[in-house]
PDBML (XML) file of the C-alpha atoms, coordinates in Angstrom:
<?xml version="1.0" encoding="UTF-8" ?>
<PDBx:datablock datablockName="MODEL"
   xmlns:PDBx="http://pdbml.pdb.org/schema/pdbx-v50.xsd"
   xmlns:xsi="http://www.w3.org/2001/XMLSchema-instance"
   xsi:schemaLocation="http://pdbml.pdb.org/schema/pdbx-v50.xsd pdbx-v50.xsd">
   <PDBx:atom_siteCategory>
      <PDBx:atom_site id="1">
         <PDBx:B_iso_or_equiv>0.00</PDBx:B_iso_or_equiv>
         <PDBx:Cartn_x>-4.891</PDBx:Cartn_x>
         <PDBx:Cartn_y>-4.903</PDBx:Cartn_y>
         <PDBx:Cartn_z>-16.300</PDBx:Cartn_z>
         <PDBx:auth_asym_id>A</PDBx:auth_asym_id>
         <PDBx:auth_atom_id>CA</PDBx:auth_atom_id>
         <PDBx:auth_comp_id>UNK</PDBx:auth_comp_id>
         <PDBx:auth_seq_id>1</PDBx:auth_seq_id>
         <PDBx:group_PDB>ATOM</PDBx:group_PDB>
         <PDBx:label_alt_id xsi:nil="true" />
         <PDBx:label_asym_id>A</PDBx:label_asym_id>
         <PDBx:label_atom_id>CA</PDBx:label_atom_id>
         <PDBx:label_comp_id>UNK</PDBx:label_comp_id>
         <PDBx:label_entity_id>1</PDBx:label_entity_id>
         <PDBx:label_seq_id>1</PDBx:label_seq_id>
         <PDBx:occupancy>1.00</PDBx:occupancy>
         <PDBx:pdbx_PDB_model_num>1</PDBx:pdbx_PDB_model_num>
         <PDBx:type_symbol>C</PDBx:type_symbol>
      </PDBx:atom_site>
      <PDBx:atom_site id="2">
         <PDBx:B_iso_or_equiv>0.00</PDBx:B_iso_or_equiv>
         <PDBx:Cartn_x>-5.541</PDBx:Cartn_x>
         <PDBx:Cartn_y>-8.187</PDBx:Cartn_y>
         <PDBx:Cartn_z>-13.952</PDBx:Cartn_z>
         <PDBx:auth_asym_id>A</PDBx:auth_asym_id>
         <PDBx:auth_atom_id>CA</PDBx:auth_atom_id>
         <PDBx:auth_comp_id>UNK</PDBx:auth_comp_id>
         <PDBx:auth_seq_id>2</PDBx:auth_seq_id>
         <PDBx:group_PDB>ATOM</PDBx:group_PDB>
         <PDBx:label_alt_id xsi:nil="true" />
         <PDBx:label_asym_id>A</PDBx:label_asym_id>
         <PDBx:label_atom_id>CA</PDBx:label_atom_id>
         <PDBx:label_comp_id>UNK</PDBx:label_comp_id>
         <PDBx:label_entity_id>1</PDBx:label_entity_id>
         <PDBx:label_seq_id>2</PDBx:label_seq_id>
         <PDBx:occupancy>1.00</PDBx:occupancy>
         <PDBx:pdbx_PDB_model_num>1</PDBx:pdbx_PDB_model_num>
         <PDBx:type_symbol>C</PDBx:type_symbol>
      </PDBx:atom_site>
      <PDBx:atom_site id="3">
         <PDBx:B_iso_or_equiv>0.00</PDBx:B_iso_or_equiv>
         <PDBx:Cartn_x>-2.044</PDBx:Cartn_x>
         <PDBx:Cartn_y>-9.682</PDBx:Cartn_y>
         <PDBx:Cartn_z>-14.255</PDBx:Cartn_z>
         <PDBx:auth_asym_id>A</PDBx:auth_asym_id>
         <PDBx:auth_atom_id>CA</PDBx:auth_atom_id>
         <PDBx:auth_comp_id>UNK</PDBx:auth_comp_id>
         <PDBx:auth_seq_id>3</PDBx:auth_seq_id>
         <PDBx:group_PDB>ATOM</PDBx:group_PDB>
         <PDBx:label_alt_id xsi:nil="true" />
         <PDBx:label_asym_id>A</PDBx:label_asym_id>
         <PDBx:label_atom_id>CA</PDBx:label_atom_id>
         <PDBx:label_comp_id>UNK</PDBx:label_comp_id>
         <PDBx:label_entity_id>1</PDBx:label_entity_id>
         <PDBx:label_seq_id>3</PDBx:label_seq_id>
         <PDBx:occupancy>1.00</PDBx:occupancy>
         <PDBx:pdbx_PDB_model_num>1</PDBx:pdbx_PDB_model_num>
         <PDBx:type_symbol>C</PDBx:type_symbol>
      </PDBx:atom_site>
      <PDBx:atom_site id="4">
         <PDBx:B_iso_or_equiv>0.00</PDBx:B_iso_or_equiv>
         <PDBx:Cartn_x>-0.235</PDBx:Cartn_x>
         <PDBx:Cartn_y>-6.357</PDBx:Cartn_y>
         <PDBx:Cartn_z>-13.318</PDBx:Cartn_z>
         <PDBx:auth_asym_id>A</PDBx:auth_asym_id>
         <PDBx:auth_atom_id>CA</PDBx:auth_atom_id>
         <PDBx:auth_comp_id>UNK</PDBx:auth_comp_id>
         <PDBx:auth_seq_id>4</PDBx:auth_seq_id>
         <PDBx:group_PDB>ATOM</PDBx:group_PDB>
         <PDBx:label_alt_id xsi:nil="true" />
         <PDBx:label_asym_id>A</PDBx:label_asym_id>
         <PDBx:label_atom_id>CA</PDBx:label_atom_id>
         <PDBx:label_comp_id>UNK</PDBx:label_comp_id>
         <PDBx:label_entity_id>1</PDBx:label_entity_id>
         <PDBx:label_seq_id>4</PDBx:label_seq_id>
         <PDBx:occupancy>1.00</PDBx:occupancy>
         <PDBx:pdbx_PDB_model_num>1</PDBx:pdbx_PDB_model_num>
         <PDBx:type_symbol>C</PDBx:type_symbol>
      </PDBx:atom_site>
      <PDBx:atom_site id="5">
         <PDBx:B_iso_or_equiv>0.00</PDBx:B_iso_or_equiv>
         <PDBx:Cartn_x>-2.967</PDBx:Cartn_x>
         <PDBx:Cartn_y>-5.803</PDBx:Cartn_y>
         <PDBx:Cartn_z>-10.392</PDBx:Cartn_z>
         <PDBx:auth_asym_id>A</PDBx:auth_asym_id>
         <PDBx:auth_atom_id>CA</PDBx:auth_atom_id>
         <PDBx:auth_comp_id>UNK</PDBx:auth_comp_id>
         <PDBx:auth_seq_id>5</PDBx:auth_seq_id>
         <PDBx:group_PDB>ATOM</PDBx:group_PDB>
         <PDBx:label_alt_id xsi:nil="true" />
         <PDBx:label_asym_id>A</PDBx:label_asym_id>
         <PDBx:label_atom_id>CA</PDBx:label_atom_id>
         <PDBx:label_comp_id>UNK</PDBx:label_comp_id>
         <PDBx:label_entity_id>1</PDBx:label_entity_id>
         <PDBx:label_seq_id>5</PDBx:label_seq_id>
         <PDBx:occupancy>1.00</PDBx:occupancy>
         <PDBx:pdbx_PDB_model_num>1</PDBx:pdbx_PDB_model_num>
         <PDBx:type_symbol>C</PDBx:type_symbol>
      </PDBx:atom_site>
      <PDBx:atom_site id="6">
         <PDBx:B_iso_or_equiv>0.00</PDBx:B_iso_or_equiv>
         <PDBx:Cartn_x>-1.708</PDBx:Cartn_x>
         <PDBx:Cartn_y>-9.177</PDBx:Cartn_y>
         <PDBx:Cartn_z>-8.910</PDBx:Cartn_z>
         <PDBx:auth_asym_id>A</PDBx:auth_asym_id>
         <PDBx:auth_atom_id>CA</PDBx:auth_atom_id>
         <PDBx:auth_comp_id>UNK</PDBx:auth_comp_id>
         <PDBx:auth_seq_id>6</PDBx:auth_seq_id>
         <PDBx:group_PDB>ATOM</PDBx:group_PDB>
         <PDBx:label_alt_id xsi:nil="true" />
         <PDBx:label_asym_id>A</PDBx:label_asym_id>
         <PDBx:label_atom_id>CA</PDBx:label_atom_id>
         <PDBx:label_comp_id>UNK</PDBx:label_comp_id>
         <PDBx:label_entity_id>1</PDBx:label_entity_id>
         <PDBx:label_seq_id>6</PDBx:label_seq_id>
         <PDBx:occupancy>1.00</PDBx:occupancy>
         <PDBx:pdbx_PDB_model_num>1</PDBx:pdbx_PDB_model_num>
         <PDBx:type_symbol>C</PDBx:type_symbol>
      </PDBx:atom_site>
      <PDBx:atom_site id="7">
         <PDBx:B_iso_or_equiv>0.00</PDBx:B_iso_or_equiv>
         <PDBx:Cartn_x>1.955</PDBx:Cartn_x>
         <PDBx:Cartn_y>-8.971</PDBx:Cartn_y>
         <PDBx:Cartn_z>-9.697</PDBx:Cartn_z>
         <PDBx:auth_asym_id>A</PDBx:auth_asym_id>
         <PDBx:auth_atom_id>CA</PDBx:auth_atom_id>
         <PDBx:auth_comp_id>UNK</PDBx:auth_comp_id>
         <PDBx:auth_seq_id>7</PDBx:auth_seq_id>
         <PDBx:group_PDB>ATOM</PDBx:group_PDB>
         <PDBx:label_alt_id xsi:nil="true" />
         <PDBx:label_asym_id>A</PDBx:label_asym_id>
         <PDBx:label_atom_id>CA</PDBx:label_atom_id>
         <PDBx:label_comp_id>UNK</PDBx:label_comp_id>
         <PDBx:label_entity_id>1</PDBx:label_entity_id>
         <PDBx:label_seq_id>7</PDBx:label_seq_id>
         <PDBx:occupancy>1.00</PDBx:occupancy>
         <PDBx:pdbx_PDB_model_num>1</PDBx:pdbx_PDB_model_num>
         <PDBx:type_symbol>C</PDBx:type_symbol>
      </PDBx:atom_site>
      <PDBx:atom_site id="8">
         <PDBx:B_iso_or_equiv>0.00</PDBx:B_iso_or_equiv>
         <PDBx:Cartn_x>2.361</PDBx:Cartn_x>
         <PDBx:Cartn_y>-5.399</PDBx:Cartn_y>
         <PDBx:Cartn_z>-8.708</PDBx:Cartn_z>
         <PDBx:auth_asym_id>A</PDBx:auth_asym_id>
         <PDBx:auth_atom_id>CA</PDBx:auth_atom_id>
         <PDBx:auth_comp_id>UNK</PDBx:auth_comp_id>
         <PDBx:auth_seq_id>8</PDBx:auth_seq_id>
         <PDBx:group_PDB>ATOM</PDBx:group_PDB>
         <PDBx:label_alt_id xsi:nil="true" />
         <PDBx:label_asym_id>A</PDBx:label_asym_id>
         <PDBx:label_atom_id>CA</PDBx:label_atom_id>
         <PDBx:label_comp_id>UNK</PDBx:label_comp_id>
         <PDBx:label_entity_id>1</PDBx:label_entity_id>
         <PDBx:label_seq_id>8</PDBx:label_seq_id>
         <PDBx:occupancy>1.00</PDBx:occupancy>
         <PDBx:pdbx_PDB_model_num>1</PDBx:pdbx_PDB_model_num>
         <PDBx:type_symbol>C</PDBx:type_symbol>
      </PDBx:atom_site>
      <PDBx:atom_site id="9">
         <PDBx:B_iso_or_equiv>0.00</PDBx:B_iso_or_equiv>
         <PDBx:Cartn_x>0.063</PDBx:Cartn_x>
         <PDBx:Cartn_y>-4.529</PDBx:Cartn_y>
         <PDBx:Cartn_z>-5.656</PDBx:Cartn_z>
         <PDBx:auth_asym_id>A</PDBx:auth_asym_id>
         <PDBx:auth_atom_id>CA</PDBx:auth_atom_id>
         <PDBx:auth_comp_id>UNK</PDBx:auth_comp_id>
         <PDBx:auth_seq_id>9</PDBx:auth_seq_id>
         <PDBx:group_PDB>ATOM</PDBx:group_PDB>
         <PDBx:label_alt_id xsi:nil="true" />
         <PDBx:label_asym_id>A</PDBx:label_asym_id>
         <PDBx:label_atom_id>CA</PDBx:label_atom_id>
         <PDBx:label_comp_id>UNK</PDBx:label_comp_id>
         <PDBx:label_entity_id>1</PDBx:label_entity_id>
         <PDBx:label_seq_id>9</PDBx:label_seq_id>
         <PDBx:occupancy>1.00</PDBx:occupancy>
         <PDBx:pdbx_PDB_model_num>1</PDBx:pdbx_PDB_model_num>
         <PDBx:type_symbol>C</PDBx:type_symbol>
      </PDBx:atom_site>
      <PDBx:atom_site id="10">
         <PDBx:B_iso_or_equiv>0.00</PDBx:B_iso_or_equiv>
         <PDBx:Cartn_x>2.198</PDBx:Cartn_x>
         <PDBx:Cartn_y>-1.837</PDBx:Cartn_y>
         <PDBx:Cartn_z>-4.283</PDBx:Cartn_z>
         <PDBx:auth_asym_id>A</PDBx:auth_asym_id>
         <PDBx:auth_atom_id>CA</PDBx:auth_atom_id>
         <PDBx:auth_comp_id>UNK</PDBx:auth_comp_id>
         <PDBx:auth_seq_id>10</PDBx:auth_seq_id>
         <PDBx:group_PDB>ATOM</PDBx:group_PDB>
         <PDBx:label_alt_id xsi:nil="true" />
         <PDBx:label_asym_id>A</PDBx:label_asym_id>
         <PDBx:label_atom_id>CA</PDBx:label_atom_id>
         <PDBx:label_comp_id>UNK</PDBx:label_comp_id>
         <PDBx:label_entity_id>1</PDBx:label_entity_id>
         <PDBx:label_seq_id>10</PDBx:label_seq_id>
         <PDBx:occupancy>1.00</PDBx:occupancy>
         <PDBx:pdbx_PDB_model_num>1</PDBx:pdbx_PDB_model_num>
         <PDBx:type_symbol>C</PDBx:type_symbol>
      </PDBx:atom_site>
      <PDBx:atom_site id="11">
         <PDBx:B_iso_or_equiv>0.00</PDBx:B_iso_or_equiv>
         <PDBx:Cartn_x>-0.584</PDBx:Cartn_x>
         <PDBx:Cartn_y>1.028</PDBx:Cartn_y>
         <PDBx:Cartn_z>-4.517</PDBx:Cartn_z>
         <PDBx:auth_asym_id>A</PDBx:auth_asym_id>
         <PDBx:auth_atom_id>CA</PDBx:auth_atom_id>
         <PDBx:auth_comp_id>UNK</PDBx:auth_comp_id>
         <PDBx:auth_seq_id>11</PDBx:auth_seq_id>
         <PDBx:group_PDB>ATOM</PDBx:group_PDB>
         <PDBx:label_alt_id xsi:nil="true" />
         <PDBx:label_asym_id>A</PDBx:label_asym_id>
         <PDBx:label_atom_id>CA</PDBx:label_atom_id>
         <PDBx:label_comp_id>UNK</PDBx:label_comp_id>
         <PDBx:label_entity_id>1</PDBx:label_entity_id>
         <PDBx:label_seq_id>11</PDBx:label_seq_id>
         <PDBx:occupancy>1.00</PDBx:occupancy>
         <PDBx:pdbx_PDB_model_num>1</PDBx:pdbx_PDB_model_num>
         <PDBx:type_symbol>C</PDBx:type_symbol>
      </PDBx:atom_site>
      <PDBx:atom_site id="12">
         <PDBx:B_iso_or_equiv>0.00</PDBx:B_iso_or_equiv>
         <PDBx:Cartn_x>-3.456</PDBx:Cartn_x>
         <PDBx:Cartn_y>-1.442</PDBx:Cartn_y>
         <PDBx:Cartn_z>-4.240</PDBx:Cartn_z>
         <PDBx:auth_asym_id>A</PDBx:auth_asym_id>
         <PDBx:auth_atom_id>CA</PDBx:auth_atom_id>
         <PDBx:auth_comp_id>UNK</PDBx:auth_comp_id>
         <PDBx:auth_seq_id>12</PDBx:auth_seq_id>
         <PDBx:group_PDB>ATOM</PDBx:group_PDB>
         <PDBx:label_alt_id xsi:nil="true" />
         <PDBx:label_asym_id>A</PDBx:label_asym_id>
         <PDBx:label_atom_id>CA</PDBx:label_atom_id>
         <PDBx:label_comp_id>UNK</PDBx:label_comp_id>
         <PDBx:label_entity_id>1</PDBx:label_entity_id>
         <PDBx:label_seq_id>12</PDBx:label_seq_id>
         <PDBx:occupancy>1.00</PDBx:occupancy>
         <PDBx:pdbx_PDB_model_num>1</PDBx:pdbx_PDB_model_num>
         <PDBx:type_symbol>C</PDBx:type_symbol>
      </PDBx:atom_site>
      <PDBx:atom_site id="13">
         <PDBx:B_iso_or_equiv>0.00</PDBx:B_iso_or_equiv>
         <PDBx:Cartn_x>-4.460</PDBx:Cartn_x>
         <PDBx:Cartn_y>-0.146</PDBx:Cartn_y>
         <PDBx:Cartn_z>-0.804</PDBx:Cartn_z>
         <PDBx:auth_asym_id>A</PDBx:auth_asym_id>
         <PDBx:auth_atom_id>CA</PDBx:auth_atom_id>
         <PDBx:auth_comp_id>UNK</PDBx:auth_comp_id>
         <PDBx:auth_seq_id>13</PDBx:auth_seq_id>
         <PDBx:group_PDB>ATOM</PDBx:group_PDB>
         <PDBx:label_alt_id xsi:nil="true" />
         <PDBx:label_asym_id>A</PDBx:label_asym_id>
         <PDBx:label_atom_id>CA</PDBx:label_atom_id>
         <PDBx:label_comp_id>UNK</PDBx:label_comp_id>
         <PDBx:label_entity_id>1</PDBx:label_entity_id>
         <PDBx:label_seq_id>13</PDBx:label_seq_id>
         <PDBx:occupancy>1.00</PDBx:occupancy>
         <PDBx:pdbx_PDB_model_num>1</PDBx:pdbx_PDB_model_num>
         <PDBx:type_symbol>C</PDBx:type_symbol>
      </PDBx:atom_site>
      <PDBx:atom_site id="14">
         <PDBx:B_iso_or_equiv>0.00</PDBx:B_iso_or_equiv>
         <PDBx:Cartn_x>-3.313</PDBx:Cartn_x>
         <PDBx:Cartn_y>2.723</PDBx:Cartn_y>
         <PDBx:Cartn_z>1.747</PDBx:Cartn_z>
         <PDBx:auth_asym_id>A</PDBx:auth_asym_id>
         <PDBx:auth_atom_id>CA</PDBx:auth_atom_id>
         <PDBx:auth_comp_id>UNK</PDBx:auth_comp_id>
         <PDBx:auth_seq_id>14</PDBx:auth_seq_id>
         <PDBx:group_PDB>ATOM</PDBx:group_PDB>
         <PDBx:label_alt_id xsi:nil="true" />
         <PDBx:label_asym_id>A</PDBx:label_asym_id>
         <PDBx:label_atom_id>CA</PDBx:label_atom_id>
         <PDBx:label_comp_id>UNK</PDBx:label_comp_id>
         <PDBx:label_entity_id>1</PDBx:label_entity_id>
         <PDBx:label_seq_id>14</PDBx:label_seq_id>
         <PDBx:occupancy>1.00</PDBx:occupancy>
         <PDBx:pdbx_PDB_model_num>1</PDBx:pdbx_PDB_model_num>
         <PDBx:type_symbol>C</PDBx:type_symbol>
      </PDBx:atom_site>
      <PDBx:atom_site id="15">
         <PDBx:B_iso_or_equiv>0.00</PDBx:B_iso_or_equiv>
         <PDBx:Cartn_x>0.094</PDBx:Cartn_x>
         <PDBx:Cartn_y>1.547</PDBx:Cartn_y>
         <PDBx:Cartn_z>3.055</PDBx:Cartn_z>
         <PDBx:auth_asym_id>A</PDBx:auth_asym_id>
         <PDBx:auth_atom_id>CA</PDBx:auth_atom_id>
         <PDBx:auth_comp_id>UNK</PDBx:auth_comp_id>
         <PDBx:auth_seq_id>15</PDBx:auth_seq_id>
         <PDBx:group_PDB>ATOM</PDBx:group_PDB>
         <PDBx:label_alt_id xsi:nil="true" />
         <PDBx:label_asym_id>A</PDBx:label_asym_id>
         <PDBx:label_atom_id>CA</PDBx:label_atom_id>
         <PDBx:label_comp_id>UNK</PDBx:label_comp_id>
         <PDBx:label_entity_id>1</PDBx:label_entity_id>
         <PDBx:label_seq_id>15</PDBx:label_seq_id>
         <PDBx:occupancy>1.00</PDBx:occupancy>
         <PDBx:pdbx_PDB_model_num>1</PDBx:pdbx_PDB_model_num>
         <PDBx:type_symbol>C</PDBx:type_symbol>
      </PDBx:atom_site>
      <PDBx:atom_site id="16">
         <PDBx:B_iso_or_equiv>0.00</PDBx:B_iso_or_equiv>
         <PDBx:Cartn_x>0.311</PDBx:Cartn_x>
         <PDBx:Cartn_y>3.240</PDBx:Cartn_y>
         <PDBx:Cartn_z>6.535</PDBx:Cartn_z>
         <PDBx:auth_asym_id>A</PDBx:auth_asym_id>
         <PDBx:auth_atom_id>CA</PDBx:auth_atom_id>
         <PDBx:auth_comp_id>UNK</PDBx:auth_comp_id>
         <PDBx:auth_seq_id>16</PDBx:auth_seq_id>
         <PDBx:group_PDB>ATOM</PDBx:group_PDB>
         <PDBx:label_alt_id xsi:nil="true" />
         <PDBx:label_asym_id>A</PDBx:label_asym_id>
         <PDBx:label_atom_id>CA</PDBx:label_atom_id>
         <PDBx:label_comp_id>UNK</PDBx:label_comp_id>
         <PDBx:label_entity_id>1</PDBx:label_entity_id>
         <PDBx:label_seq_id>16</PDBx:label_seq_id>
         <PDBx:occupancy>1.00</PDBx:occupancy>
         <PDBx:pdbx_PDB_model_num>1</PDBx:pdbx_PDB_model_num>
         <PDBx:type_symbol>C</PDBx:type_symbol>
      </PDBx:atom_site>
      <PDBx:atom_site id="17">
         <PDBx:B_iso_or_equiv>0.00</PDBx:B_iso_or_equiv>
         <PDBx:Cartn_x>3.421</PDBx:Cartn_x>
         <PDBx:Cartn_y>3.396</PDBx:Cartn_y>
         <PDBx:Cartn_z>8.775</PDBx:Cartn_z>
         <PDBx:auth_asym_id>A</PDBx:auth_asym_id>
         <PDBx:auth_atom_id>CA</PDBx:auth_atom_id>
         <PDBx:auth_comp_id>UNK</PDBx:auth_comp_id>
         <PDBx:auth_seq_id>17</PDBx:auth_seq_id>
         <PDBx:group_PDB>ATOM</PDBx:group_PDB>
         <PDBx:label_alt_id xsi:nil="true" />
         <PDBx:label_asym_id>A</PDBx:label_asym_id>
         <PDBx:label_atom_id>CA</PDBx:label_atom_id>
         <PDBx:label_comp_id>UNK</PDBx:label_comp_id>
         <PDBx:label_entity_id>1</PDBx:label_entity_id>
         <PDBx:label_seq_id>17</PDBx:label_seq_id>
         <PDBx:occupancy>1.00</PDBx:occupancy>
         <PDBx:pdbx_PDB_model_num>1</PDBx:pdbx_PDB_model_num>
         <PDBx:type_symbol>C</PDBx:type_symbol>
      </PDBx:atom_site>
      <PDBx:atom_site id="18">
         <PDBx:B_iso_or_equiv>0.00</PDBx:B_iso_or_equiv>
         <PDBx:Cartn_x>3.585</PDBx:Cartn_x>
         <PDBx:Cartn_y>4.774</PDBx:Cartn_y>
         <PDBx:Cartn_z>12.214</PDBx:Cartn_z>
         <PDBx:auth_asym_id>A</PDBx:auth_asym_id>
         <PDBx:auth_atom_id>CA</PDBx:auth_atom_id>
         <PDBx:auth_comp_id>UNK</PDBx:auth_comp_id>
         <PDBx:auth_seq_id>18</PDBx:auth_seq_id>
         <PDBx:group_PDB>ATOM</PDBx:group_PDB>
         <PDBx:label_alt_id xsi:nil="true" />
         <PDBx:label_asym_id>A</PDBx:label_asym_id>
         <PDBx:label_atom_id>CA</PDBx:label_atom_id>
         <PDBx:label_comp_id>UNK</PDBx:label_comp_id>
         <PDBx:label_entity_id>1</PDBx:label_entity_id>
         <PDBx:label_seq_id>18</PDBx:label_seq_id>
         <PDBx:occupancy>1.00</PDBx:occupancy>
         <PDBx:pdbx_PDB_model_num>1</PDBx:pdbx_PDB_model_num>
         <PDBx:type_symbol>C</PDBx:type_symbol>
      </PDBx:atom_site>
      <PDBx:atom_site id="19">
         <PDBx:B_iso_or_equiv>0.00</PDBx:B_iso_or_equiv>
         <PDBx:Cartn_x>5.975</PDBx:Cartn_x>
         <PDBx:Cartn_y>6.911</PDBx:Cartn_y>
         <PDBx:Cartn_z>14.179</PDBx:Cartn_z>
         <PDBx:auth_asym_id>A</PDBx:auth_asym_id>
         <PDBx:auth_atom_id>CA</PDBx:auth_atom_id>
         <PDBx:auth_comp_id>UNK</PDBx:auth_comp_id>
         <PDBx:auth_seq_id>19</PDBx:auth_seq_id>
         <PDBx:group_PDB>ATOM</PDBx:group_PDB>
         <PDBx:label_alt_id xsi:nil="true" />
         <PDBx:label_asym_id>A</PDBx:label_asym_id>
         <PDBx:label_atom_id>CA</PDBx:label_atom_id>
         <PDBx:label_comp_id>UNK</PDBx:label_comp_id>
         <PDBx:label_entity_id>1</PDBx:label_entity_id>
         <PDBx:label_seq_id>19</PDBx:label_seq_id>
         <PDBx:occupancy>1.00</PDBx:occupancy>
         <PDBx:pdbx_PDB_model_num>1</PDBx:pdbx_PDB_model_num>
         <PDBx:type_symbol>C</PDBx:type_symbol>
      </PDBx:atom_site>
      <PDBx:atom_site id="20">
         <PDBx:B_iso_or_equiv>0.00</PDBx:B_iso_or_equiv>
         <PDBx:Cartn_x>4.777</PDBx:Cartn_x>
         <PDBx:Cartn_y>7.731</PDBx:Cartn_y>
         <PDBx:Cartn_z>17.830</PDBx:Cartn_z>
         <PDBx:auth_asym_id>A</PDBx:auth_asym_id>
         <PDBx:auth_atom_id>CA</PDBx:auth_atom_id>
         <PDBx:auth_comp_id>UNK</PDBx:auth_comp_id>
         <PDBx:auth_seq_id>20</PDBx:auth_seq_id>
         <PDBx:group_PDB>ATOM</PDBx:group_PDB>
         <PDBx:label_alt_id xsi:nil="true" />
         <PDBx:label_asym_id>A</PDBx:label_asym_id>
         <PDBx:label_atom_id>CA</PDBx:label_atom_id>
         <PDBx:label_comp_id>UNK</PDBx:label_comp_id>
         <PDBx:label_entity_id>1</PDBx:label_entity_id>
         <PDBx:label_seq_id>20</PDBx:label_seq_id>
         <PDBx:occupancy>1.00</PDBx:occupancy>
         <PDBx:pdbx_PDB_model_num>1</PDBx:pdbx_PDB_model_num>
         <PDBx:type_symbol>C</PDBx:type_symbol>
      </PDBx:atom_site>
      <PDBx:atom_site id="21">
         <PDBx:B_iso_or_equiv>0.00</PDBx:B_iso_or_equiv>
         <PDBx:Cartn_x>1.298</PDBx:Cartn_x>
         <PDBx:Cartn_y>9.095</PDBx:Cartn_y>
         <PDBx:Cartn_z>17.689</PDBx:Cartn_z>
         <PDBx:auth_asym_id>A</PDBx:auth_asym_id>
         <PDBx:auth_atom_id>CA</PDBx:auth_atom_id>
         <PDBx:auth_comp_id>UNK</PDBx:auth_comp_id>
         <PDBx:auth_seq_id>21</PDBx:auth_seq_id>
         <PDBx:group_PDB>ATOM</PDBx:group_PDB>
         <PDBx:label_alt_id xsi:nil="true" />
         <PDBx:label_asym_id>A</PDBx:label_asym_id>
         <PDBx:label_atom_id>CA</PDBx:label_atom_id>
         <PDBx:label_comp_id>UNK</PDBx:label_comp_id>
         <PDBx:label_entity_id>1</PDBx:label_entity_id>
         <PDBx:label_seq_id>21</PDBx:label_seq_id>
         <PDBx:occupancy>1.00</PDBx:occupancy>
         <PDBx:pdbx_PDB_model_num>1</PDBx:pdbx_PDB_model_num>
         <PDBx:type_symbol>C</PDBx:type_symbol>
      </PDBx:atom_site>
      <PDBx:atom_site id="22">
         <PDBx:B_iso_or_equiv>0.00</PDBx:B_iso_or_equiv>
         <PDBx:Cartn_x>1.349</PDBx:Cartn_x>
         <PDBx:Cartn_y>9.928</PDBx:Cartn_y>
         <PDBx:Cartn_z>13.970</PDBx:Cartn_z>
         <PDBx:auth_asym_id>A</PDBx:auth_asym_id>
         <PDBx:auth_atom_id>CA</PDBx:auth_atom_id>
         <PDBx:auth_comp_id>UNK</PDBx:auth_comp_id>
         <PDBx:auth_seq_id>22</PDBx:auth_seq_id>
         <PDBx:group_PDB>ATOM</PDBx:group_PDB>
         <PDBx:label_alt_id xsi:nil="true" />
         <PDBx:label_asym_id>A</PDBx:label_asym_id>
         <PDBx:label_atom_id>CA</PDBx:label_atom_id>
         <PDBx:label_comp_id>UNK</PDBx:label_comp_id>
         <PDBx:label_entity_id>1</PDBx:label_entity_id>
         <PDBx:label_seq_id>22</PDBx:label_seq_id>
         <PDBx:occupancy>1.00</PDBx:occupancy>
         <PDBx:pdbx_PDB_model_num>1</PDBx:pdbx_PDB_model_num>
         <PDBx:type_symbol>C</PDBx:type_symbol>
      </PDBx:atom_site>
      <PDBx:atom_site id="23">
         <PDBx:B_iso_or_equiv>0.00</PDBx:B_iso_or_equiv>
         <PDBx:Cartn_x>0.305</PDBx:Cartn_x>
         <PDBx:Cartn_y>7.691</PDBx:Cartn_y>
         <PDBx:Cartn_z>11.229</PDBx:Cartn_z>
         <PDBx:auth_asym_id>A</PDBx:auth_asym_id>
         <PDBx:auth_atom_id>CA</PDBx:auth_atom_id>
         <PDBx:auth_comp_id>UNK</PDBx:auth_comp_id>
         <PDBx:auth_seq_id>23</PDBx:auth_seq_id>
         <PDBx:group_PDB>ATOM</PDBx:group_PDB>
         <PDBx:label_alt_id xsi:nil="true" />
         <PDBx:label_asym_id>A</PDBx:label_asym_id>
         <PDBx:label_atom_id>CA</PDBx:label_atom_id>
         <PDBx:label_comp_id>UNK</PDBx:label_comp_id>
         <PDBx:label_entity_id>1</PDBx:label_entity_id>
         <PDBx:label_seq_id>23</PDBx:label_seq_id>
         <PDBx:occupancy>1.00</PDBx:occupancy>
         <PDBx:pdbx_PDB_model_num>1</PDBx:pdbx_PDB_model_num>
         <PDBx:type_symbol>C</PDBx:type_symbol>
      </PDBx:atom_site>
      <PDBx:atom_site id="24">
         <PDBx:B_iso_or_equiv>0.00</PDBx:B_iso_or_equiv>
         <PDBx:Cartn_x>1.507</PDBx:Cartn_x>
         <PDBx:Cartn_y>8.369</PDBx:Cartn_y>
         <PDBx:Cartn_z>7.809</PDBx:Cartn_z>
         <PDBx:auth_asym_id>A</PDBx:auth_asym_id>
         <PDBx:auth_atom_id>CA</PDBx:auth_atom_id>
         <PDBx:auth_comp_id>UNK</PDBx:auth_comp_id>
         <PDBx:auth_seq_id>24</PDBx:auth_seq_id>
         <PDBx:group_PDB>ATOM</PDBx:group_PDB>
         <PDBx:label_alt_id xsi:nil="true" />
         <PDBx:label_asym_id>A</PDBx:label_asym_id>
         <PDBx:label_atom_id>CA</PDBx:label_atom_id>
         <PDBx:label_comp_id>UNK</PDBx:label_comp_id>
         <PDBx:label_entity_id>1</PDBx:label_entity_id>
         <PDBx:label_seq_id>24</PDBx:label_seq_id>
         <PDBx:occupancy>1.00</PDBx:occupancy>
         <PDBx:pdbx_PDB_model_num>1</PDBx:pdbx_PDB_model_num>
         <PDBx:type_symbol>C</PDBx:type_symbol>
      </PDBx:atom_site>
   </PDBx:atom_siteCategory>
</PDBx:datablock>
């Protein structure tokens, strides 16, 4: 629902991290 989309966006887009030459 729209309210939860706003308040809990933790899986709205990919959230990469990087170690050295690798992205996860």
